[in-house]
Amino acid sequence: MTATLAGAQTIEVKGKPPLYRYVSYWAFPQAHWADVDNENASGNEKILAPAFADGTLVGYGDDENQVHSAEGFTHANWWQANSIAGLMKVLEAFHKDGRSSSPLLVSSTKHWDQIYISRFYNWKAGSWKGTYGYKGTYKLKPDAPEADGAVRTLSSFYVPVFEKMLADGTIVEYEIDQEMIYTTDSRAQIVFSFVMPSAEGLDKFRAALGTALDENSLIGPAFGSMMVNFTPQREFVRVNATYQ
């Protein structure tokens, strides 16, 4: 894998201070989807907006899954901070507000949470409503480096590509995340996450990434050498997001 990357066109990229993301995933019956939209726009905003304004959070938003699976989520709420303490402060505010026992949340058929950490990320400041997100989740092979090492290795190719997309407006946010919470008998998963300003951005993103991979034909084998079968779980979501 190292020899393969040495032959690819890569640039050394320095990681940023850690960014932490808390995501709460939900599966709601379709009859309640309109209620979820109302809750995101009103109830959740009462907690998230002040935390963003005082600097506790650097970003927050909500996702609506556009391609549903039998086992997946329908909606997600998330917020980002420069510390785990910031994440937990907001989570505690939700608990104190009593929303965990609201009729809407009780109606969910499935719920789980995850915390992710990233050192390779960037975004355009502002609020983005009704945008589109794409996420690819990959599993590491047993003989691959640990997640932190794998992300650092791959960032030398991917981060310059994503920064170019950010500069030309193809995307408005990207992250290369890894799970913080996972079982001891498994490897932490790596998540590539992007937000595009429109549905057309999905096509532009895929075309731009395809061109970059064609120009660096060795990166695919390098990626495949670390990831299980190079077959990710993919998600397309409708996103409302606010970033500092």
C-alpha atoms as a PDB file:
ATOM      1  CA  MET A   1       0.000   0.000   0.000  1.00  0.00           C
ATOM      2  CA  THR A   2       2.824   2.411   0.861  1.00  0.00           C
ATOM      3  CA  ALA A   3       4.588   1.640  -2.405  1.00  0.00           C
ATOM      4  CA  THR A   4       1.354   2.234  -4.317  1.00  0.00           C
ATOM      5  CA  LEU A   5       0.786   5.607  -2.680  1.00  0.00           C
ATOM      6  CA  ALA A   6       4.379   6.592  -3.420  1.00  0.00           C
ATOM      7  CA  GLY A   7       3.555   6.340  -7.118  1.00  0.00           C
ATOM      8  CA  ALA A   8       0.346   8.354  -6.857  1.00  0.00           C
ATOM      9  CA  GLN A   9       0.182  12.143  -7.018  1.00  0.00           C
ATOM     10  CA  THR A  10      -0.106  13.066  -3.351  1.00  0.00           C
ATOM     11  CA  ILE A  11       0.569  16.135  -1.210  1.00  0.00           C
ATOM     12  CA  GLU A  12       1.480  16.039   2.465  1.00  0.00           C
ATOM     13  CA  VAL A  13      -1.479  17.362   4.453  1.00  0.00           C
ATOM     14  CA  LYS A  14      -1.304  18.425   8.089  1.00  0.00           C
ATOM     15  CA  GLY A  15      -4.246  17.473  10.248  1.00  0.00           C
ATOM     16  CA  LYS A  16      -6.301  20.170  11.972  1.00  0.00           C
ATOM     17  CA  PRO A  17      -7.280  20.269  15.663  1.00  0.00           C
ATOM     18  CA  PRO A  18      -9.794  17.496  16.392  1.00  0.00           C
ATOM     19  CA  LEU A  19     -13.411  18.100  15.441  1.00  0.00           C
ATOM     20  CA  TYR A  20     -16.042  16.059  17.286  1.00  0.00           C
ATOM     21  CA  ARG A  21     -19.464  15.263  15.854  1.00  0.00           C
ATOM     22  CA  TYR A  22     -22.394  13.799  17.795  1.00  0.00           C
ATOM     23  CA  VAL A  23     -25.049  12.144  15.609  1.00  0.00           C
ATOM     24  CA  SER A  24     -28.411  10.868  16.813  1.00  0.00           C
ATOM     25  CA  TYR A  25     -30.044   8.511  14.308  1.00  0.00           C
ATOM     26  CA  TRP A  26     -33.796   7.841  14.241  1.00  0.00           C
ATOM     27  CA  ALA A  27     -36.230   5.656  12.334  1.00  0.00           C
ATOM     28  CA  PHE A  28     -39.711   7.225  12.319  1.00  0.00           C
ATOM     29  CA  PRO A  29     -42.904   5.882  10.733  1.00  0.00           C
ATOM     30  CA  GLN A  30     -43.750   7.829   7.583  1.00  0.00           C
ATOM     31  CA  ALA A  31     -46.864   9.292   9.204  1.00  0.00           C
ATOM     32  CA  HIS A  32     -44.584  11.306  11.531  1.00  0.00           C
ATOM     33  CA  TRP A  33     -42.113  12.688   8.998  1.00  0.00           C
ATOM     34  CA  ALA A  34     -43.831  16.088   8.851  1.00  0.00           C
ATOM     35  CA  ASP A  35     -43.686  16.237  12.665  1.00  0.00           C
ATOM     36  CA  VAL A  36     -39.943  15.630  12.525  1.00  0.00           C
ATOM     37  CA  ASP A  37     -39.499  18.592  10.170  1.00  0.00           C
ATOM     38  CA  ASN A  38     -41.462  20.814  12.550  1.00  0.00           C
ATOM     39  CA  GLU A  39     -39.468  19.661  15.579  1.00  0.00           C
ATOM     40  CA  ASN A  40     -36.139  20.278  13.832  1.00  0.00           C
ATOM     41  CA  ALA A  41     -37.187  23.778  12.791  1.00  0.00           C
ATOM     42  CA  SER A  42     -38.546  24.820  16.184  1.00  0.00           C
ATOM     43  CA  GLY A  43     -37.831  22.695  19.256  1.00  0.00           C
ATOM     44  CA  ASN A  44     -34.276  21.606  18.445  1.00  0.00           C
ATOM     45  CA  GLU A  45     -33.338  25.071  17.231  1.00  0.00           C
ATOM     46  CA  LYS A  46     -34.074  26.482  20.711  1.00  0.00           C
ATOM     47  CA  ILE A  47     -31.174  24.469  22.117  1.00  0.00           C
ATOM     48  CA  LEU A  48     -28.769  24.301  19.196  1.00  0.00           C
ATOM     49  CA  ALA A  49     -28.850  27.932  18.041  1.00  0.00           C
ATOM     50  CA  PRO A  50     -27.817  29.436  21.443  1.00  0.00           C
ATOM     51  CA  ALA A  51     -25.025  26.857  21.814  1.00  0.00           C
ATOM     52  CA  PHE A  52     -23.800  27.841  18.362  1.00  0.00           C
ATOM     53  CA  ALA A  53     -24.024  31.553  19.148  1.00  0.00           C
ATOM     54  CA  ASP A  54     -21.948  31.268  22.344  1.00  0.00           C
ATOM     55  CA  GLY A  55     -19.252  29.169  20.662  1.00  0.00           C
ATOM     56  CA  THR A  56     -20.039  25.847  22.330  1.00  0.00           C
ATOM     57  CA  LEU A  57     -20.772  24.436  18.874  1.00  0.00           C
ATOM     58  CA  VAL A  58     -19.124  25.150  15.542  1.00  0.00           C
ATOM     59  CA  GLY A  59     -21.852  23.506  13.494  1.00  0.00           C
ATOM     60  CA  TYR A  60     -25.190  21.723  13.726  1.00  0.00           C
ATOM     61  CA  GLY A  61     -27.985  20.429  11.545  1.00  0.00           C
ATOM     62  CA  ASP A  62     -30.326  17.624  10.616  1.00  0.00           C
ATOM     63  CA  ASP A  63     -30.534  15.016   7.873  1.00  0.00           C
ATOM     64  CA  GLU A  64     -33.443  13.302   6.154  1.00  0.00           C
ATOM     65  CA  ASN A  65     -32.530  10.061   4.422  1.00  0.00           C
ATOM     66  CA  GLN A  66     -33.557  10.121   0.761  1.00  0.00           C
ATOM     67  CA  VAL A  67     -32.998   6.418  -0.010  1.00  0.00           C
ATOM     68  CA  HIS A  68     -34.425   4.300   2.781  1.00  0.00           C
ATOM     69  CA  SER A  69     -33.413   0.770   3.697  1.00  0.00           C
ATOM     70  CA  ALA A  70     -35.217  -1.702   5.922  1.00  0.00           C
ATOM     71  CA  GLU A  71     -32.481  -1.512   8.576  1.00  0.00           C
ATOM     72  CA  GLY A  72     -31.429   2.116   8.276  1.00  0.00           C
ATOM     73  CA  PHE A  73     -32.465   5.485   9.657  1.00  0.00           C
ATOM     74  CA  THR A  74     -35.006   7.966   8.315  1.00  0.00           C
ATOM     75  CA  HIS A  75     -33.697  11.079  10.100  1.00  0.00           C
ATOM     76  CA  ALA A  76     -30.659  12.247  12.038  1.00  0.00           C
ATOM     77  CA  ASN A  77     -29.733  15.221  14.204  1.00  0.00           C
ATOM     78  CA  TRP A  78     -26.121  16.260  14.702  1.00  0.00           C
ATOM     79  CA  TRP A  79     -23.878  18.896  16.181  1.00  0.00           C
ATOM     80  CA  GLN A  80     -20.133  19.581  16.089  1.00  0.00           C
ATOM     81  CA  ALA A  81     -17.708  21.005  18.639  1.00  0.00           C
ATOM     82  CA  ASN A  82     -14.006  21.424  19.216  1.00  0.00           C
ATOM     83  CA  SER A  83     -14.259  19.340  22.386  1.00  0.00           C
ATOM     84  CA  ILE A  84     -16.182  16.366  23.713  1.00  0.00           C
ATOM     85  CA  ALA A  85     -17.251  18.594  26.603  1.00  0.00           C
ATOM     86  CA  GLY A  86     -19.054  20.833  24.102  1.00  0.00           C
ATOM     87  CA  LEU A  87     -20.922  17.861  22.648  1.00  0.00           C
ATOM     88  CA  MET A  88     -21.971  16.625  26.085  1.00  0.00           C
ATOM     89  CA  LYS A  89     -23.081  20.080  27.229  1.00  0.00           C
ATOM     90  CA  VAL A  90     -25.596  20.221  24.388  1.00  0.00           C
ATOM     91  CA  LEU A  91     -26.684  16.614  24.921  1.00  0.00           C
ATOM     92  CA  GLU A  92     -27.338  17.390  28.587  1.00  0.00           C
ATOM     93  CA  ALA A  93     -29.439  20.393  27.549  1.00  0.00           C
ATOM     94  CA  PHE A  94     -31.637  18.076  25.466  1.00  0.00           C
ATOM     95  CA  HIS A  95     -32.032  15.677  28.391  1.00  0.00           C
ATOM     96  CA  LYS A  96     -32.973  18.473  30.779  1.00  0.00           C
ATOM     97  CA  ASP A  97     -35.497  19.793  28.267  1.00  0.00           C
ATOM     98  CA  GLY A  98     -37.374  16.503  28.454  1.00  0.00           C
ATOM     99  CA  ARG A  99     -37.482  15.855  24.714  1.00  0.00           C
ATOM    100  CA  SER A 100     -36.311  12.254  25.121  1.00  0.00           C
ATOM    101  CA  SER A 101     -39.813  11.385  26.375  1.00  0.00           C
ATOM    102  CA  SER A 102     -41.755  13.416  23.809  1.00  0.00           C
ATOM    103  CA  PRO A 103     -44.502  11.593  21.862  1.00  0.00           C
ATOM    104  CA  LEU A 104     -42.585  12.079  18.618  1.00  0.00           C
ATOM    105  CA  LEU A 105     -39.383  10.446  19.853  1.00  0.00           C
ATOM    106  CA  VAL A 106     -41.309   7.687  21.578  1.00  0.00           C
ATOM    107  CA  SER A 107     -42.895   6.890  18.187  1.00  0.00           C
ATOM    108  CA  SER A 108     -39.496   6.016  16.682  1.00  0.00           C
ATOM    109  CA  THR A 109     -38.995   2.349  15.870  1.00  0.00           C
ATOM    110  CA  LYS A 110     -35.204   2.506  16.138  1.00  0.00           C
ATOM    111  CA  HIS A 111     -32.630   4.859  17.629  1.00  0.00           C
ATOM    112  CA  TRP A 112     -28.863   4.933  18.095  1.00  0.00           C
ATOM    113  CA  ASP A 113     -26.082   7.478  18.594  1.00  0.00           C
ATOM    114  CA  GLN A 114     -22.465   7.810  17.528  1.00  0.00           C
ATOM    115  CA  ILE A 115     -19.561  10.176  18.136  1.00  0.00           C
ATOM    116  CA  TYR A 116     -17.063  10.769  15.335  1.00  0.00           C
ATOM    117  CA  ILE A 117     -13.691  12.493  15.353  1.00  0.00           C
ATOM    118  CA  SER A 118     -12.014  14.197  12.407  1.00  0.00           C
ATOM    119  CA  ARG A 119      -8.742  16.016  11.776  1.00  0.00           C
ATOM    120  CA  PHE A 120      -9.372  16.498   8.057  1.00  0.00           C
ATOM    121  CA  TYR A 121     -12.369  18.753   7.386  1.00  0.00           C
ATOM    122  CA  ASN A 122     -13.451  22.130   6.081  1.00  0.00           C
ATOM    123  CA  TRP A 123     -16.635  24.038   5.214  1.00  0.00           C
ATOM    124  CA  LYS A 124     -18.060  27.317   4.032  1.00  0.00           C
ATOM    125  CA  ALA A 125     -19.542  29.357   6.860  1.00  0.00           C
ATOM    126  CA  GLY A 126     -23.254  30.075   6.854  1.00  0.00           C
ATOM    127  CA  SER A 127     -26.601  28.295   6.846  1.00  0.00           C
ATOM    128  CA  TRP A 128     -27.474  25.792   4.142  1.00  0.00           C
ATOM    129  CA  LYS A 129     -31.097  24.712   3.878  1.00  0.00           C
ATOM    130  CA  GLY A 130     -32.394  21.878   1.725  1.00  0.00           C
ATOM    131  CA  THR A 131     -28.930  20.924   0.511  1.00  0.00           C
ATOM    132  CA  TYR A 132     -27.809  17.366  -0.229  1.00  0.00           C
ATOM    133  CA  GLY A 133     -25.345  15.169   1.567  1.00  0.00           C
ATOM    134  CA  TYR A 134     -23.431  12.087   0.529  1.00  0.00           C
ATOM    135  CA  LYS A 135     -21.739   9.727   2.958  1.00  0.00           C
ATOM    136  CA  GLY A 136     -19.617   6.640   2.400  1.00  0.00           C
ATOM    137  CA  THR A 137     -18.796   4.353   5.337  1.00  0.00           C
ATOM    138  CA  TYR A 138     -15.889   1.942   4.965  1.00  0.00           C
ATOM    139  CA  LYS A 139     -14.587  -0.920   7.084  1.00  0.00           C
ATOM    140  CA  LEU A 140     -10.878  -1.510   7.546  1.00  0.00           C
ATOM    141  CA  LYS A 141      -9.348  -4.864   6.696  1.00  0.00           C
ATOM    142  CA  PRO A 142      -7.860  -6.806   9.628  1.00  0.00           C
ATOM    143  CA  ASP A 143      -4.284  -6.260   8.379  1.00  0.00           C
ATOM    144  CA  ALA A 144      -4.751  -2.558   7.553  1.00  0.00           C
ATOM    145  CA  PRO A 145      -3.343   0.242   9.740  1.00  0.00           C
ATOM    146  CA  GLU A 146      -5.487   1.533  12.583  1.00  0.00           C
ATOM    147  CA  ALA A 147      -8.142   4.042  11.538  1.00  0.00           C
ATOM    148  CA  ASP A 148      -6.046   7.082  12.485  1.00  0.00           C
ATOM    149  CA  GLY A 149      -3.097   5.879  10.413  1.00  0.00           C
ATOM    150  CA  ALA A 150      -5.287   4.947   7.457  1.00  0.00           C
ATOM    151  CA  VAL A 151      -6.969   8.363   7.438  1.00  0.00           C
ATOM    152  CA  ARG A 152      -3.648  10.174   7.578  1.00  0.00           C
ATOM    153  CA  THR A 153      -2.314   8.098   4.707  1.00  0.00           C
ATOM    154  CA  LEU A 154      -5.328   8.614   2.448  1.00  0.00           C
ATOM    155  CA  SER A 155      -5.676  12.318   3.270  1.00  0.00           C
ATOM    156  CA  SER A 156      -2.564  13.100   1.220  1.00  0.00           C
ATOM    157  CA  PHE A 157      -4.596  12.341  -1.895  1.00  0.00           C
ATOM    158  CA  TYR A 158      -8.170  13.124  -0.899  1.00  0.00           C
ATOM    159  CA  VAL A 159      -7.861  16.407   1.025  1.00  0.00           C
ATOM    160  CA  PRO A 160      -6.402  18.421  -1.920  1.00  0.00           C
ATOM    161  CA  VAL A 161      -9.189  17.030  -4.128  1.00  0.00           C
ATOM    162  CA  PHE A 162     -11.876  18.006  -1.605  1.00  0.00           C
ATOM    163  CA  GLU A 163     -10.341  21.453  -1.031  1.00  0.00           C
ATOM    164  CA  LYS A 164     -10.522  22.112  -4.773  1.00  0.00           C
ATOM    165  CA  MET A 165     -14.204  21.097  -4.785  1.00  0.00           C
ATOM    166  CA  LEU A 166     -14.837  23.395  -1.821  1.00  0.00           C
ATOM    167  CA  ALA A 167     -13.155  26.316  -3.557  1.00  0.00           C
ATOM    168  CA  ASP A 168     -15.132  25.938  -6.790  1.00  0.00           C
ATOM    169  CA  GLY A 169     -18.467  25.453  -4.997  1.00  0.00           C
ATOM    170  CA  THR A 170     -19.018  21.782  -5.867  1.00  0.00           C
ATOM    171  CA  ILE A 171     -19.294  21.074  -2.120  1.00  0.00           C
ATOM    172  CA  VAL A 172     -19.831  23.293   0.916  1.00  0.00           C
ATOM    173  CA  GLU A 173     -18.448  20.890   3.533  1.00  0.00           C
ATOM    174  CA  TYR A 174     -16.355  17.749   3.822  1.00  0.00           C
ATOM    175  CA  GLU A 175     -15.062  15.513   6.611  1.00  0.00           C
ATOM    176  CA  ILE A 176     -13.020  12.355   6.859  1.00  0.00           C
ATOM    177  CA  ASP A 177     -14.275  10.889  10.136  1.00  0.00           C
ATOM    178  CA  GLN A 178     -13.596   7.855  12.227  1.00  0.00           C
ATOM    179  CA  GLU A 179     -15.817   6.348  14.897  1.00  0.00           C
ATOM    180  CA  MET A 180     -14.926   7.040  18.516  1.00  0.00           C
ATOM    181  CA  ILE A 181     -17.303   4.432  19.926  1.00  0.00           C
ATOM    182  CA  TYR A 182     -16.957   0.869  18.635  1.00  0.00           C
ATOM    183  CA  THR A 183     -16.702  -2.643  20.021  1.00  0.00           C
ATOM    184  CA  THR A 184     -13.333  -4.020  21.056  1.00  0.00           C
ATOM    185  CA  ASP A 185     -13.629  -6.957  18.640  1.00  0.00           C
ATOM    186  CA  SER A 186     -14.047  -4.730  15.560  1.00  0.00           C
ATOM    187  CA  ARG A 187     -12.159  -1.951  13.818  1.00  0.00           C
ATOM    188  CA  ALA A 188     -13.320   1.668  13.816  1.00  0.00           C
ATOM    189  CA  GLN A 189     -15.056   2.549  10.566  1.00  0.00           C
ATOM    190  CA  ILE A 190     -13.946   5.452   8.364  1.00  0.00           C
ATOM    191  CA  VAL A 191     -16.604   7.829   7.038  1.00  0.00           C
ATOM    192  CA  PHE A 192     -16.240  10.227   4.101  1.00  0.00           C
ATOM    193  CA  SER A 193     -18.958  12.886   4.390  1.00  0.00           C
ATOM    194  CA  PHE A 194     -19.862  15.743   2.045  1.00  0.00           C
ATOM    195  CA  VAL A 195     -22.545  18.430   1.685  1.00  0.00           C
ATOM    196  CA  MET A 196     -23.457  19.788  -1.760  1.00  0.00           C
ATOM    197  CA  PRO A 197     -25.395  23.037  -2.323  1.00  0.00           C
ATOM    198  CA  SER A 198     -27.962  21.382  -4.623  1.00  0.00           C
ATOM    199  CA  ALA A 199     -29.039  18.071  -6.151  1.00  0.00           C
ATOM    200  CA  GLU A 200     -26.986  18.971  -9.224  1.00  0.00           C
ATOM    201  CA  GLY A 201     -23.988  19.070  -6.910  1.00  0.00           C
ATOM    202  CA  LEU A 202     -24.235  15.311  -6.460  1.00  0.00           C
ATOM    203  CA  ASP A 203     -23.478  14.805 -10.153  1.00  0.00           C
ATOM    204  CA  LYS A 204     -20.709  17.408 -10.118  1.00  0.00           C
ATOM    205  CA  PHE A 205     -19.148  15.785  -7.068  1.00  0.00           C
ATOM    206  CA  ARG A 206     -19.148  12.309  -8.555  1.00  0.00           C
ATOM    207  CA  ALA A 207     -17.727  13.591 -11.842  1.00  0.00           C
ATOM    208  CA  ALA A 208     -14.969  15.575 -10.116  1.00  0.00           C
ATOM    209  CA  LEU A 209     -14.014  12.654  -7.885  1.00  0.00           C
ATOM    210  CA  GLY A 210     -14.005  10.301 -10.865  1.00  0.00           C
ATOM    211  CA  THR A 211     -11.669  12.617 -12.767  1.00  0.00           C
ATOM    212  CA  ALA A 212      -9.296  12.848  -9.801  1.00  0.00           C
ATOM    213  CA  LEU A 213      -9.199   9.055  -9.468  1.00  0.00           C
ATOM    214  CA  ASP A 214      -8.553   8.639 -13.201  1.00  0.00           C
ATOM    215  CA  GLU A 215      -5.620  11.030 -12.956  1.00  0.00           C
ATOM    216  CA  ASN A 216      -4.228   9.103  -9.966  1.00  0.00           C
ATOM    217  CA  SER A 217      -4.876   5.509 -10.950  1.00  0.00           C
ATOM    218  CA  LEU A 218      -2.801   4.085  -8.084  1.00  0.00           C
ATOM    219  CA  ILE A 219      -4.996   5.535  -5.322  1.00  0.00           C
ATOM    220  CA  GLY A 220      -7.787   3.005  -5.969  1.00  0.00           C
ATOM    221  CA  PRO A 221      -5.556  -0.026  -5.289  1.00  0.00           C
ATOM    222  CA  ALA A 222      -4.122   1.729  -2.220  1.00  0.00           C
ATOM    223  CA  PHE A 223      -7.614   2.387  -0.872  1.00  0.00           C
ATOM    224  CA  GLY A 224      -8.725  -1.150  -1.701  1.00  0.00           C
ATOM    225  CA  SER A 225      -5.725  -2.615   0.108  1.00  0.00           C
ATOM    226  CA  MET A 226      -7.013  -1.161   3.392  1.00  0.00           C
ATOM    227  CA  MET A 227     -10.810  -1.403   3.079  1.00  0.00           C
ATOM    228  CA  VAL A 228     -12.944  -4.534   3.180  1.00  0.00           C
ATOM    229  CA  ASN A 229     -13.855  -5.329  -0.440  1.00  0.00           C
ATOM    230  CA  PHE A 230     -13.837  -1.578  -1.221  1.00  0.00           C
ATOM    231  CA  THR A 231     -17.658  -1.713  -0.963  1.00  0.00           C
ATOM    232  CA  PRO A 232     -18.948   1.073   1.288  1.00  0.00           C
ATOM    233  CA  GLN A 233     -22.350   1.697   2.742  1.00  0.00           C
ATOM    234  CA  ARG A 234     -23.597   4.806   0.932  1.00  0.00           C
ATOM    235  CA  GLU A 235     -26.152   7.329   2.096  1.00  0.00           C
ATOM    236  CA  PHE A 236     -27.879  10.206   0.307  1.00  0.00           C
ATOM    237  CA  VAL A 237     -29.536  12.676   2.659  1.00  0.00           C
ATOM    238  CA  ARG A 238     -31.309  16.025   2.525  1.00  0.00           C
ATOM    239  CA  VAL A 239     -29.417  18.379   4.816  1.00  0.00           C
ATOM    240  CA  ASN A 240     -30.079  21.528   6.817  1.00  0.00           C
ATOM    241  CA  ALA A 241     -26.773  22.769   8.238  1.00  0.00           C
ATOM    242  CA  THR A 242     -25.243  25.802   9.920  1.00  0.00           C
ATOM    243  CA  TYR A 243     -21.464  26.284  10.201  1.00  0.00           C
ATOM    244  CA  GLN A 244     -19.320  28.962  11.820  1.00  0.00           C
END
